[in-house]
Amino acid sequence: MHDYGAGMTLLRLLAILAASASPTLSQAGESAKPFHWSNGAAIATEYVWRGQSLTDGKPAIFGELKISHETGVYGGIWAGSL
């Protein structure tokens, strides 16, 4: 049995940020700013990698935050309940 505690809290926070930030960013006039933020969140019924379930048939949640600069430099963070 896994204890997802802090990981699930982080994923919930990422999901809330992704849901609330998207409309704000698109309305902020992104073309005038050198930095661009993007985000995403997903819920899957099962996470399968190379034919094997990594979640033992249980649901999984994922979230990501990315930042890029107009010069092409970028970075990001990804988290999942695996």
Protein backbone atom coordinates (compact mmCIF):
# COMPACT_ATOMS: atom_id res chain seq x y z
CA MET A 1 0.00 0.00 0.00
CA HIS A 2 1.37 3.39 -0.99
CA ASP A 3 1.10 6.61 1.01
CA TYR A 4 0.71 9.39 -1.55
CA GLY A 5 0.25 12.18 1.10
CA ALA A 6 2.56 15.07 0.11
CA GLY A 7 2.71 14.02 -3.54
CA MET A 8 -1.06 14.14 -3.92
CA THR A 9 -1.15 17.53 -2.20
CA LEU A 10 1.40 18.87 -4.70
CA LEU A 11 -0.56 17.41 -7.61
CA ARG A 12 -3.79 18.94 -6.39
CA LEU A 13 -2.04 22.31 -6.14
CA LEU A 14 -0.67 21.94 -9.68
CA ALA A 15 -4.13 21.04 -10.99
CA ILE A 16 -5.69 24.09 -9.30
CA LEU A 17 -2.97 26.39 -10.66
CA ALA A 18 -3.37 24.94 -14.15
CA ALA A 19 -7.13 25.43 -14.10
CA SER A 20 -7.01 28.97 -12.74
CA ALA A 21 -3.96 30.32 -14.60
CA SER A 22 -4.81 29.41 -18.19
CA PRO A 23 -7.49 32.07 -18.84
CA THR A 24 -5.44 34.75 -17.07
CA LEU A 25 -2.31 34.07 -19.12
CA SER A 26 -4.12 34.07 -22.44
CA GLN A 27 -5.67 37.48 -21.69
CA ALA A 28 -2.46 39.09 -20.42
CA GLY A 29 -1.01 39.97 -23.84
CA GLU A 30 1.66 37.27 -24.01
CA SER A 31 3.26 38.57 -27.21
CA ALA A 32 4.66 41.66 -25.41
CA LYS A 33 6.39 39.61 -22.71
CA PRO A 34 9.69 37.73 -23.14
CA PHE A 35 8.57 34.82 -20.92
CA HIS A 36 5.71 32.42 -21.55
CA TRP A 37 4.21 30.07 -18.91
CA SER A 38 2.32 26.93 -19.78
CA ASN A 39 0.79 24.23 -17.65
CA GLY A 40 -1.23 21.08 -17.78
CA ALA A 41 -2.91 18.45 -15.67
CA ALA A 42 -4.34 15.03 -16.42
CA ILE A 43 -6.14 12.20 -14.70
CA ALA A 44 -5.78 8.66 -16.04
CA THR A 45 -7.68 5.52 -15.09
CA GLU A 46 -4.40 3.59 -15.14
CA TYR A 47 -0.77 4.36 -16.03
CA VAL A 48 0.78 1.73 -18.31
CA TRP A 49 4.42 1.88 -19.42
CA ARG A 50 5.91 -0.76 -21.71
CA GLY A 51 2.92 -3.00 -21.19
CA GLN A 52 3.02 -2.97 -17.38
CA SER A 53 0.73 -1.08 -15.05
CA LEU A 54 2.67 1.28 -12.79
CA THR A 55 -0.41 2.07 -10.70
CA ASP A 56 -1.70 -1.47 -10.04
CA GLY A 57 -4.95 -0.69 -11.87
CA LYS A 58 -5.62 2.45 -9.81
CA PRO A 59 -6.15 5.99 -11.14
CA ALA A 60 -3.20 8.37 -11.54
CA ILE A 61 -2.95 12.18 -11.66
CA PHE A 62 -0.25 14.25 -13.34
CA GLY A 63 0.65 17.92 -13.48
CA GLU A 64 3.27 20.05 -15.18
CA LEU A 65 4.46 23.65 -15.24
CA LYS A 66 6.74 25.02 -17.96
CA ILE A 67 8.38 28.37 -18.67
CA SER A 68 10.07 29.44 -21.88
CA HIS A 69 11.86 32.55 -23.06
CA GLU A 70 11.64 34.12 -26.48
CA THR A 71 15.31 33.17 -27.05
CA GLY A 72 14.32 29.48 -26.96
CA VAL A 73 15.53 28.64 -23.44
CA TYR A 74 12.96 26.66 -21.47
CA GLY A 75 12.50 24.57 -18.33
CA GLY A 76 9.76 22.79 -16.47
CA ILE A 77 8.65 20.46 -13.74
CA TRP A 78 6.46 17.37 -13.95
CA ALA A 79 4.86 15.47 -11.09
CA GLY A 80 2.72 12.35 -10.96
CA SER A 81 1.16 10.07 -8.40
CA LEU A 82 3.23 7.06 -9.43
